Each structure stands twice: as structure tokens, then as C-alpha cells.
Amino acid sequence: MENSIRQVLRDDEKVSVYAHLSTAHDKEFLLYRGNQKKKYDRLTSKLGQGGGPKDHTDLSSEQLKKWVVNISKYKLSEPETSILAKGLNFAIASVVIPTEE
């Protein structure tokens, strides 16, 4: 892109265009950074006032046992319970990736 600008514009125009782009970039960056700071401040103030999550999730083994309810006659092993506790969006990664496909 820079080469195409060099071919089309004269030297004085290039300086003007680059100055404008730099100014626009800085303005956009400051706006974005300000928005991110506001968002962070809102979130931290909510957490500080107790407006955050009502219950902090306890991931101890007792809590995991409460999440997995075995209604079958089959006794679940610890790894099976652990996998089921991860939820429906959990998927085991393949050991070998089929590169031929």
C-alpha cells in the first residue's frame, strides 16, 4: 500500500496524508483505550459493591459430585465423573490429526 501511495502522491502530499493518518490513528486509539478503561471500571465497581456474581462457584470435588447425578445402576469412576462434570460442550481432542483429508 505504501508503494502505491508513493507512486500516486507528490512528496508534500505524502507528508500531509501520513500526518492525517497518524492523527486519526492516535485519536481512534485514545477513544478505544478510554472505552476499555470505562468498561473495566464499571466491572470492578460492580464486583466491589457486591453486584457481581451472587455465588462464587466452588469447584471442589464435593461441588462436582453435586453437579453429576448418576441415575443409572452403573457406578461411575472418578475420571467418568470428572468428564461428565465438564458439561456438554466438552470434547476430547484427537491424538492423531487426519492430514490426508
PDB file of N, CA and C in Angstrom:
ATOM      1  N   MET A   1       0.826  -1.182   0.000  1.00  0.00           N
ATOM      2  CA  MET A   1       0.000   0.000   0.000  1.00  0.00           C
ATOM      3  C   MET A   1       0.869   1.244   0.000  1.00  0.00           C
ATOM      4  N   GLU A   2       1.943   1.199   0.769  1.00  0.00           N
ATOM      5  CA  GLU A   2       2.809   2.363   0.846  1.00  0.00           C
ATOM      6  C   GLU A   2       3.437   2.674  -0.506  1.00  0.00           C
ATOM      7  N   ASN A   3       3.777   1.640  -1.277  1.00  0.00           N
ATOM      8  CA  ASN A   3       4.341   1.849  -2.611  1.00  0.00           C
ATOM      9  C   ASN A   3       3.338   2.516  -3.542  1.00  0.00           C
ATOM     10  N   SER A   4       2.075   2.124  -3.460  1.00  0.00           N
ATOM     11  CA  SER A   4       1.069   2.742  -4.320  1.00  0.00           C
ATOM     12  C   SER A   4       0.854   4.203  -3.936  1.00  0.00           C
ATOM     13  N   ILE A   5       0.974   4.529  -2.651  1.00  0.00           N
ATOM     14  CA  ILE A   5       0.857   5.924  -2.225  1.00  0.00           C
ATOM     15  C   ILE A   5       2.040   6.724  -2.760  1.00  0.00           C
ATOM     16  N   ARG A   6       3.202   6.158  -2.704  1.00  0.00           N
ATOM     17  CA  ARG A   6       4.391   6.850  -3.210  1.00  0.00           C
ATOM     18  C   ARG A   6       4.283   7.141  -4.701  1.00  0.00           C
ATOM     19  N   GLN A   7       3.668   6.244  -5.447  1.00  0.00           N
ATOM     20  CA  GLN A   7       3.567   6.421  -6.892  1.00  0.00           C
ATOM     21  C   GLN A   7       2.542   7.483  -7.275  1.00  0.00           C
ATOM     22  N   VAL A   8       1.495   7.609  -6.499  1.00  0.00           N
ATOM     23  CA  VAL A   8       0.393   8.497  -6.860  1.00  0.00           C
ATOM     24  C   VAL A   8       0.596   9.916  -6.325  1.00  0.00           C
ATOM     25  N   LEU A   9       1.121  10.056  -5.116  1.00  0.00           N
ATOM     26  CA  LEU A   9       1.197  11.365  -4.464  1.00  0.00           C
ATOM     27  C   LEU A   9       2.573  12.001  -4.595  1.00  0.00           C
ATOM     28  N   ARG A  10       2.549  13.331  -4.585  1.00  0.00           N
ATOM     29  CA  ARG A  10       3.804  14.076  -4.530  1.00  0.00           C
ATOM     30  C   ARG A  10       4.313  14.053  -3.094  1.00  0.00           C
ATOM     31  N   ASP A  11       5.562  14.475  -2.899  1.00  0.00           N
ATOM     32  CA  ASP A  11       6.195  14.426  -1.576  1.00  0.00           C
ATOM     33  C   ASP A  11       5.442  15.265  -0.552  1.00  0.00           C
ATOM     34  N   ASP A  12       5.030  16.463  -0.904  1.00  0.00           N
ATOM     35  CA  ASP A  12       4.322  17.318   0.053  1.00  0.00           C
ATOM     36  C   ASP A  12       2.951  16.739   0.397  1.00  0.00           C
ATOM     37  N   GLU A  13       2.296  16.091  -0.576  1.00  0.00           N
ATOM     38  CA  GLU A  13       1.001  15.460  -0.312  1.00  0.00           C
ATOM     39  C   GLU A  13       1.171  14.222   0.576  1.00  0.00           C
ATOM     40  N   LYS A  14       2.256  13.479   0.357  1.00  0.00           N
ATOM     41  CA  LYS A  14       2.510  12.293   1.185  1.00  0.00           C
ATOM     42  C   LYS A  14       2.665  12.681   2.646  1.00  0.00           C
ATOM     43  N   VAL A  15       3.409  13.755   2.900  1.00  0.00           N
ATOM     44  CA  VAL A  15       3.606  14.213   4.275  1.00  0.00           C
ATOM     45  C   VAL A  15       2.265  14.565   4.901  1.00  0.00           C
ATOM     46  N   SER A  16       1.425  15.235   4.150  1.00  0.00           N
ATOM     47  CA  SER A  16       0.106  15.621   4.652  1.00  0.00           C
ATOM     48  C   SER A  16      -0.757  14.393   4.939  1.00  0.00           C
ATOM     49  N   VAL A  17      -0.738  13.421   4.017  1.00  0.00           N
ATOM     50  CA  VAL A  17      -1.544  12.205   4.198  1.00  0.00           C
ATOM     51  C   VAL A  17      -1.057  11.409   5.403  1.00  0.00           C
ATOM     52  N   TYR A  18       0.260  11.242   5.531  1.00  0.00           N
ATOM     53  CA  TYR A  18       0.801  10.500   6.669  1.00  0.00           C
ATOM     54  C   TYR A  18       0.512  11.202   7.992  1.00  0.00           C
ATOM     55  N   ALA A  19       0.559  12.522   7.998  1.00  0.00           N
ATOM     56  CA  ALA A  19       0.237  13.274   9.220  1.00  0.00           C
ATOM     57  C   ALA A  19      -1.229  13.075   9.593  1.00  0.00           C
ATOM     58  N   HIS A  20      -2.102  13.114   8.591  1.00  0.00           N
ATOM     59  CA  HIS A  20      -3.524  12.902   8.850  1.00  0.00           C
ATOM     60  C   HIS A  20      -3.780  11.484   9.364  1.00  0.00           C
ATOM     61  N   LEU A  21      -3.149  10.497   8.742  1.00  0.00           N
ATOM     62  CA  LEU A  21      -3.326   9.110   9.183  1.00  0.00           C
ATOM     63  C   LEU A  21      -2.820   8.916  10.612  1.00  0.00           C
ATOM     64  N   SER A  22      -1.710   9.531  10.935  1.00  0.00           N
ATOM     65  CA  SER A  22      -1.167   9.417  12.286  1.00  0.00           C
ATOM     66  C   SER A  22      -2.109  10.045  13.304  1.00  0.00           C
ATOM     67  N   THR A  23      -2.655  11.204  12.961  1.00  0.00           N
ATOM     68  CA  THR A  23      -3.594  11.879  13.859  1.00  0.00           C
ATOM     69  C   THR A  23      -4.863  11.043  14.048  1.00  0.00           C
ATOM     70  N   ALA A  24      -5.385  10.505  12.952  1.00  0.00           N
ATOM     71  CA  ALA A  24      -6.594   9.681  13.029  1.00  0.00           C
ATOM     72  C   ALA A  24      -6.334   8.417  13.840  1.00  0.00           C
ATOM     73  N   HIS A  25      -5.157   7.827  13.656  1.00  0.00           N
ATOM     74  CA  HIS A  25      -4.797   6.627  14.410  1.00  0.00           C
ATOM     75  C   HIS A  25      -4.725   6.922  15.897  1.00  0.00           C
ATOM     76  N   ASP A  26      -4.067   8.008  16.252  1.00  0.00           N
ATOM     77  CA  ASP A  26      -3.941   8.369  17.673  1.00  0.00           C
ATOM     78  C   ASP A  26      -5.295   8.660  18.303  1.00  0.00           C
ATOM     79  N   LYS A  27      -6.164   9.356  17.558  1.00  0.00           N
ATOM     80  CA  LYS A  27      -7.498   9.683  18.073  1.00  0.00           C
ATOM     81  C   LYS A  27      -8.313   8.406  18.305  1.00  0.00           C
ATOM     82  N   GLU A  28      -8.271   7.507  17.335  1.00  0.00           N
ATOM     83  CA  GLU A  28      -9.004   6.243  17.453  1.00  0.00           C
ATOM     84  C   GLU A  28      -8.464   5.403  18.607  1.00  0.00           C
ATOM     85  N   PHE A  29      -7.153   5.374  18.770  1.00  0.00           N
ATOM     86  CA  PHE A  29      -6.541   4.616  19.856  1.00  0.00           C
ATOM     87  C   PHE A  29      -6.971   5.163  21.213  1.00  0.00           C
ATOM     88  N   LEU A  30      -6.948   6.489  21.366  1.00  0.00           N
ATOM     89  CA  LEU A  30      -7.350   7.088  22.646  1.00  0.00           C
ATOM     90  C   LEU A  30      -8.820   6.829  22.939  1.00  0.00           C
ATOM     91  N   LEU A  31      -9.660   6.890  21.920  1.00  0.00           N
ATOM     92  CA  LEU A  31     -11.086   6.603  22.106  1.00  0.00           C
ATOM     93  C   LEU A  31     -11.291   5.157  22.541  1.00  0.00           C
ATOM     94  N   TYR A  32     -10.631   4.225  21.877  1.00  0.00           N
ATOM     95  CA  TYR A  32     -10.736   2.810  22.204  1.00  0.00           C
ATOM     96  C   TYR A  32     -10.223   2.547  23.617  1.00  0.00           C
ATOM     97  N   ARG A  33      -9.066   3.134  23.953  1.00  0.00           N
ATOM     98  CA  ARG A  33      -8.496   2.926  25.284  1.00  0.00           C
ATOM     99  C   ARG A  33      -9.414   3.492  26.360  1.00  0.00           C
ATOM    100  N   GLY A  34     -10.014   4.645  26.092  1.00  0.00           N
ATOM    101  CA  GLY A  34     -10.953   5.236  27.053  1.00  0.00           C
ATOM    102  C   GLY A  34     -12.165   4.358  27.282  1.00  0.00           C
ATOM    103  N   ASN A  35     -12.689   3.793  26.188  1.00  0.00           N
ATOM    104  CA  ASN A  35     -13.852   2.897  26.316  1.00  0.00           C
ATOM    105  C   ASN A  35     -13.503   1.646  27.104  1.00  0.00           C
ATOM    106  N   GLN A  36     -12.326   1.107  26.880  1.00  0.00           N
ATOM    107  CA  GLN A  36     -11.910  -0.090  27.611  1.00  0.00           C
ATOM    108  C   GLN A  36     -11.723   0.220  29.096  1.00  0.00           C
ATOM    109  N   LYS A  37     -11.166   1.381  29.408  1.00  0.00           N
ATOM    110  CA  LYS A  37     -10.997   1.766  30.813  1.00  0.00           C
ATOM    111  C   LYS A  37     -12.343   1.940  31.501  1.00  0.00           C
ATOM    112  N   LYS A  38     -13.305   2.561  30.809  1.00  0.00           N
ATOM    113  CA  LYS A  38     -14.646   2.731  31.383  1.00  0.00           C
ATOM    114  C   LYS A  38     -15.294   1.379  31.656  1.00  0.00           C
ATOM    115  N   LYS A  39     -15.158   0.479  30.694  1.00  0.00           N
ATOM    116  CA  LYS A  39     -15.730  -0.857  30.858  1.00  0.00           C
ATOM    117  C   LYS A  39     -15.096  -1.580  32.040  1.00  0.00           C
ATOM    118  N   TYR A  40     -13.770  -1.491  32.159  1.00  0.00           N
ATOM    119  CA  TYR A  40     -13.070  -2.125  33.270  1.00  0.00           C
ATOM    120  C   TYR A  40     -13.495  -1.514  34.599  1.00  0.00           C
ATOM    121  N   ASP A  41     -13.605  -0.199  34.647  1.00  0.00           N
ATOM    122  CA  ASP A  41     -14.023   0.470  35.888  1.00  0.00           C
ATOM    123  C   ASP A  41     -15.440   0.076  36.285  1.00  0.00           C
ATOM    124  N   ARG A  42     -16.350  -0.028  35.303  1.00  0.00           N
ATOM    125  CA  ARG A  42     -17.718  -0.456  35.609  1.00  0.00           C
ATOM    126  C   ARG A  42     -17.727  -1.863  36.188  1.00  0.00           C
ATOM    127  N   LEU A  43     -16.957  -2.760  35.593  1.00  0.00           N
ATOM    128  CA  LEU A  43     -16.931  -4.141  36.083  1.00  0.00           C
ATOM    129  C   LEU A  43     -16.323  -4.239  37.474  1.00  0.00           C
ATOM    130  N   THR A  44     -15.228  -3.519  37.711  1.00  0.00           N
ATOM    131  CA  THR A  44     -14.607  -3.589  39.033  1.00  0.00           C
ATOM    132  C   THR A  44     -15.480  -2.940  40.084  1.00  0.00           C
ATOM    133  N   SER A  45     -16.220  -1.889  39.723  1.00  0.00           N
ATOM    134  CA  SER A  45     -17.100  -1.269  40.717  1.00  0.00           C
ATOM    135  C   SER A  45     -18.263  -2.190  41.053  1.00  0.00           C
ATOM    136  N   LYS A  46     -18.776  -2.914  40.058  1.00  0.00           N
ATOM    137  CA  LYS A  46     -19.856  -3.870  40.335  1.00  0.00           C
ATOM    138  C   LYS A  46     -19.383  -4.976  41.262  1.00  0.00           C
ATOM    139  N   LEU A  47     -18.184  -5.477  41.029  1.00  0.00           N
ATOM    140  CA  LEU A  47     -17.662  -6.546  41.873  1.00  0.00           C
ATOM    141  C   LEU A  47     -17.352  -6.024  43.272  1.00  0.00           C
ATOM    142  N   GLY A  48     -16.888  -4.787  43.370  1.00  0.00           N
ATOM    143  CA  GLY A  48     -16.555  -4.208  44.663  1.00  0.00           C
ATOM    144  C   GLY A  48     -17.777  -3.932  45.513  1.00  0.00           C
ATOM    145  N   GLN A  49     -18.920  -3.630  44.886  1.00  0.00           N
ATOM    146  CA  GLN A  49     -20.142  -3.318  45.618  1.00  0.00           C
ATOM    147  C   GLN A  49     -20.986  -4.550  45.888  1.00  0.00           C
ATOM    148  N   GLY A  50     -20.495  -5.696  45.527  1.00  0.00           N
ATOM    149  CA  GLY A  50     -21.274  -6.910  45.736  1.00  0.00           C
ATOM    150  C   GLY A  50     -22.278  -7.139  44.634  1.00  0.00           C
ATOM    151  N   GLY A  51     -22.178  -6.390  43.549  1.00  0.00           N
ATOM    152  CA  GLY A  51     -23.103  -6.545  42.453  1.00  0.00           C
ATOM    153  C   GLY A  51     -22.649  -7.586  41.456  1.00  0.00           C
ATOM    154  N   GLY A  52     -21.578  -8.271  41.758  1.00  0.00           N
ATOM    155  CA  GLY A  52     -21.030  -9.280  40.853  1.00  0.00           C
ATOM    156  C   GLY A  52     -21.803 -10.570  40.956  1.00  0.00           C
ATOM    157  N   PRO A  53     -21.186 -11.658  40.618  1.00  0.00           N
ATOM    158  CA  PRO A  53     -21.869 -12.950  40.716  1.00  0.00           C
ATOM    159  C   PRO A  53     -22.319 -13.223  42.145  1.00  0.00           C
ATOM    160  N   LYS A  54     -23.553 -13.686  42.289  1.00  0.00           N
ATOM    161  CA  LYS A  54     -24.109 -13.886  43.630  1.00  0.00           C
ATOM    162  C   LYS A  54     -23.414 -15.014  44.371  1.00  0.00           C
ATOM    163  N   ASP A  55     -23.153 -16.088  43.694  1.00  0.00           N
ATOM    164  CA  ASP A  55     -22.476 -17.218  44.323  1.00  0.00           C
ATOM    165  C   ASP A  55     -21.168 -17.464  43.600  1.00  0.00           C
ATOM    166  N   HIS A  56     -20.090 -17.448  44.332  1.00  0.00           N
ATOM    167  CA  HIS A  56     -18.824 -17.815  43.728  1.00  0.00           C
ATOM    168  C   HIS A  56     -18.804 -19.333  43.630  1.00  0.00           C
ATOM    169  N   THR A  57     -18.588 -19.836  42.458  1.00  0.00           N
ATOM    170  CA  THR A  57     -18.660 -21.270  42.202  1.00  0.00           C
ATOM    171  C   THR A  57     -17.517 -21.982  42.893  1.00  0.00           C
ATOM    172  N   ASP A  58     -17.878 -22.970  43.680  1.00  0.00           N
ATOM    173  CA  ASP A  58     -16.891 -23.778  44.375  1.00  0.00           C
ATOM    174  C   ASP A  58     -16.611 -24.995  43.503  1.00  0.00           C
ATOM    175  N   LEU A  59     -15.368 -25.118  43.042  1.00  0.00           N
ATOM    176  CA  LEU A  59     -15.023 -26.229  42.159  1.00  0.00           C
ATOM    177  C   LEU A  59     -14.345 -27.363  42.906  1.00  0.00           C
ATOM    178  N   SER A  60     -14.633 -27.488  44.179  1.00  0.00           N
ATOM    179  CA  SER A  60     -14.070 -28.604  44.936  1.00  0.00           C
ATOM    180  C   SER A  60     -14.758 -29.890  44.499  1.00  0.00           C
ATOM    181  N   SER A  61     -14.204 -30.995  44.907  1.00  0.00           N
ATOM    182  CA  SER A  61     -14.755 -32.277  44.468  1.00  0.00           C
ATOM    183  C   SER A  61     -16.175 -32.483  44.992  1.00  0.00           C
ATOM    184  N   GLU A  62     -16.490 -31.950  46.150  1.00  0.00           N
ATOM    185  CA  GLU A  62     -17.852 -32.088  46.677  1.00  0.00           C
ATOM    186  C   GLU A  62     -18.856 -31.384  45.776  1.00  0.00           C
ATOM    187  N   GLN A  63     -18.495 -30.211  45.285  1.00  0.00           N
ATOM    188  CA  GLN A  63     -19.395 -29.479  44.407  1.00  0.00           C
ATOM    189  C   GLN A  63     -19.555 -30.208  43.072  1.00  0.00           C
ATOM    190  N   LEU A  64     -18.470 -30.770  42.558  1.00  0.00           N
ATOM    191  CA  LEU A  64     -18.555 -31.514  41.303  1.00  0.00           C
ATOM    192  C   LEU A  64     -19.444 -32.735  41.445  1.00  0.00           C
ATOM    193  N   LYS A  65     -19.399 -33.401  42.609  1.00  0.00           N
ATOM    194  CA  LYS A  65     -20.258 -34.565  42.830  1.00  0.00           C
ATOM    195  C   LYS A  65     -21.721 -34.158  42.820  1.00  0.00           C
ATOM    196  N   LYS A  66     -22.023 -32.945  43.253  1.00  0.00           N
ATOM    197  CA  LYS A  66     -23.400 -32.472  43.254  1.00  0.00           C
ATOM    198  C   LYS A  66     -23.872 -32.187  41.826  1.00  0.00           C
ATOM    199  N   TRP A  67     -22.967 -31.813  40.952  1.00  0.00           N
ATOM    200  CA  TRP A  67     -23.344 -31.490  39.579  1.00  0.00           C
ATOM    201  C   TRP A  67     -23.629 -32.733  38.758  1.00  0.00           C
ATOM    202  N   VAL A  68     -22.964 -33.827  39.025  1.00  0.00           N
ATOM    203  CA  VAL A  68     -23.163 -35.053  38.259  1.00  0.00           C
ATOM    204  C   VAL A  68     -24.079 -35.949  39.068  1.00  0.00           C
ATOM    205  N   VAL A  69     -25.251 -36.220  38.507  1.00  0.00           N
ATOM    206  CA  VAL A  69     -26.218 -37.081  39.178  1.00  0.00           C
ATOM    207  C   VAL A  69     -26.340 -38.360  38.363  1.00  0.00           C
ATOM    208  N   ASN A  70     -25.932 -39.443  38.954  1.00  0.00           N
ATOM    209  CA  ASN A  70     -25.974 -40.740  38.291  1.00  0.00           C
ATOM    210  C   ASN A  70     -27.317 -41.385  38.579  1.00  0.00           C
ATOM    211  N   ILE A  71     -28.142 -41.545  37.535  1.00  0.00           N
ATOM    212  CA  ILE A  71     -29.463 -42.163  37.728  1.00  0.00           C
ATOM    213  C   ILE A  71     -29.488 -43.595  37.196  1.00  0.00           C
ATOM    214  N   SER A  72     -28.335 -44.092  36.780  1.00  0.00           N
ATOM    215  CA  SER A  72     -28.275 -45.470  36.288  1.00  0.00           C
ATOM    216  C   SER A  72     -27.751 -46.390  37.393  1.00  0.00           C
ATOM    217  N   LYS A  73     -27.744 -47.694  37.110  1.00  0.00           N
ATOM    218  CA  LYS A  73     -27.215 -48.670  38.054  1.00  0.00           C
ATOM    219  C   LYS A  73     -25.698 -48.773  37.963  1.00  0.00           C
ATOM    220  N   TYR A  74     -25.143 -48.245  36.869  1.00  0.00           N
ATOM    221  CA  TYR A  74     -23.700 -48.304  36.642  1.00  0.00           C
ATOM    222  C   TYR A  74     -22.991 -47.330  37.576  1.00  0.00           C
ATOM    223  N   LYS A  75     -21.953 -47.802  38.253  1.00  0.00           N
ATOM    224  CA  LYS A  75     -21.195 -46.946  39.160  1.00  0.00           C
ATOM    225  C   LYS A  75     -20.132 -46.211  38.347  1.00  0.00           C
ATOM    226  N   LEU A  76     -20.160 -44.898  38.411  1.00  0.00           N
ATOM    227  CA  LEU A  76     -19.217 -44.069  37.659  1.00  0.00           C
ATOM    228  C   LEU A  76     -17.868 -44.015  38.352  1.00  0.00           C
ATOM    229  N   SER A  77     -16.814 -44.110  37.554  1.00  0.00           N
ATOM    230  CA  SER A  77     -15.469 -43.959  38.108  1.00  0.00           C
ATOM    231  C   SER A  77     -15.159 -42.466  38.253  1.00  0.00           C
ATOM    232  N   GLU A  78     -14.067 -42.160  38.927  1.00  0.00           N
ATOM    233  CA  GLU A  78     -13.666 -40.768  39.128  1.00  0.00           C
ATOM    234  C   GLU A  78     -13.397 -40.039  37.799  1.00  0.00           C
ATOM    235  N   PRO A  79     -12.666 -40.665  36.832  1.00  0.00           N
ATOM    236  CA  PRO A  79     -12.482 -39.977  35.542  1.00  0.00           C
ATOM    237  C   PRO A  79     -13.793 -39.753  34.785  1.00  0.00           C
ATOM    238  N   GLU A  80     -14.711 -40.702  34.858  1.00  0.00           N
ATOM    239  CA  GLU A  80     -16.003 -40.532  34.186  1.00  0.00           C
ATOM    240  C   GLU A  80     -16.795 -39.389  34.812  1.00  0.00           C
ATOM    241  N   THR A  81     -16.778 -39.315  36.129  1.00  0.00           N
ATOM    242  CA  THR A  81     -17.458 -38.235  36.813  1.00  0.00           C
ATOM    243  C   THR A  81     -16.829 -36.893  36.459  1.00  0.00           C
ATOM    244  N   SER A  82     -15.518 -36.877  36.385  1.00  0.00           N
ATOM    245  CA  SER A  82     -14.814 -35.647  36.036  1.00  0.00           C
ATOM    246  C   SER A  82     -15.179 -35.180  34.638  1.00  0.00           C
ATOM    247  N   ILE A  83     -15.235 -36.099  33.687  1.00  0.00           N
ATOM    248  CA  ILE A  83     -15.602 -35.754  32.308  1.00  0.00           C
ATOM    249  C   ILE A  83     -17.039 -35.256  32.253  1.00  0.00           C
ATOM    250  N   LEU A  84     -17.951 -35.931  32.920  1.00  0.00           N
ATOM    251  CA  LEU A  84     -19.347 -35.508  32.907  1.00  0.00           C
ATOM    252  C   LEU A  84     -19.530 -34.144  33.575  1.00  0.00           C
ATOM    253  N   ALA A  85     -18.705 -33.861  34.564  1.00  0.00           N
ATOM    254  CA  ALA A  85     -18.809 -32.581  35.256  1.00  0.00           C
ATOM    255  C   ALA A  85     -18.380 -31.414  34.372  1.00  0.00           C
ATOM    256  N   LYS A  86     -17.632 -31.688  33.324  1.00  0.00           N
ATOM    257  CA  LYS A  86     -17.190 -30.623  32.422  1.00  0.00           C
ATOM    258  C   LYS A  86     -18.329 -30.084  31.572  1.00  0.00           C
ATOM    259  N   GLY A  87     -19.398 -30.823  31.427  1.00  0.00           N
ATOM    260  CA  GLY A  87     -20.563 -30.317  30.717  1.00  0.00           C
ATOM    261  C   GLY A  87     -20.667 -30.831  29.293  1.00  0.00           C
ATOM    262  N   LEU A  88     -21.698 -30.366  28.598  1.00  0.00           N
ATOM    263  CA  LEU A  88     -21.989 -30.846  27.254  1.00  0.00           C
ATOM    264  C   LEU A  88     -21.060 -30.262  26.200  1.00  0.00           C
ATOM    265  N   ASN A  89     -20.422 -29.140  26.474  1.00  0.00           N
ATOM    266  CA  ASN A  89     -19.555 -28.519  25.483  1.00  0.00           C
ATOM    267  C   ASN A  89     -18.135 -29.068  25.517  1.00  0.00           C
ATOM    268  N   PHE A  90     -17.884 -30.076  26.305  1.00  0.00           N
ATOM    269  CA  PHE A  90     -16.547 -30.648  26.405  1.00  0.00           C
ATOM    270  C   PHE A  90     -16.353 -31.688  25.316  1.00  0.00           C
ATOM    271  N   ALA A  91     -15.201 -31.652  24.665  1.00  0.00           N
ATOM    272  CA  ALA A  91     -14.875 -32.639  23.635  1.00  0.00           C
ATOM    273  C   ALA A  91     -13.428 -33.075  23.823  1.00  0.00           C
ATOM    274  N   ILE A  92     -13.181 -34.349  23.644  1.00  0.00           N
ATOM    275  CA  ILE A  92     -11.829 -34.882  23.768  1.00  0.00           C
ATOM    276  C   ILE A  92     -11.092 -34.628  22.465  1.00  0.00           C
ATOM    277  N   ALA A  93      -9.889 -34.097  22.565  1.00  0.00           N
ATOM    278  CA  ALA A  93      -9.090 -33.809  21.377  1.00  0.00           C
ATOM    279  C   ALA A  93      -8.526 -35.090  20.800  1.00  0.00           C
ATOM    280  N   SER A  94      -8.467 -35.166  19.504  1.00  0.00           N
ATOM    281  CA  SER A  94      -7.932 -36.332  18.819  1.00  0.00           C
ATOM    282  C   SER A  94      -6.422 -36.384  18.984  1.00  0.00           C
ATOM    283  N   VAL A  95      -5.898 -37.579  19.206  1.00  0.00           N
ATOM    284  CA  VAL A  95      -4.444 -37.738  19.355  1.00  0.00           C
ATOM    285  C   VAL A  95      -3.756 -37.586  18.011  1.00  0.00           C
ATOM    286  N   VAL A  96      -4.354 -38.164  16.979  1.00  0.00           N
ATOM    287  CA  VAL A  96      -3.791 -38.104  15.630  1.00  0.00           C
ATOM    288  C   VAL A  96      -4.708 -37.254  14.762  1.00  0.00           C
ATOM    289  N   ILE A  97      -4.177 -36.230  14.140  1.00  0.00           N
ATOM    290  CA  ILE A  97      -4.969 -35.377  13.269  1.00  0.00           C
ATOM    291  C   ILE A  97      -4.906 -35.960  11.855  1.00  0.00           C
ATOM    292  N   PRO A  98      -6.059 -36.254  11.238  1.00  0.00           N
ATOM    293  CA  PRO A  98      -6.051 -36.843   9.902  1.00  0.00           C
ATOM    294  C   PRO A  98      -5.669 -35.794   8.852  1.00  0.00           C
ATOM    295  N   THR A  99      -4.417 -35.825   8.433  1.00  0.00           N
ATOM    296  CA  THR A  99      -3.922 -34.838   7.482  1.00  0.00           C
ATOM    297  C   THR A  99      -4.254 -35.208   6.045  1.00  0.00           C
ATOM    298  N   GLU A 100      -4.607 -36.440   5.793  1.00  0.00           N
ATOM    299  CA  GLU A 100      -4.929 -36.875   4.436  1.00  0.00           C
ATOM    300  C   GLU A 100      -6.224 -36.248   3.946  1.00  0.00           C
ATOM    301  N   GLU A 101      -7.148 -35.977   4.843  1.00  0.00           N
ATOM    302  CA  GLU A 101      -8.424 -35.372   4.480  1.00  0.00           C
ATOM    303  C   GLU A 101      -8.203 -33.914   4.263  1.00  0.00           C
TER     304      GLU A 101
END
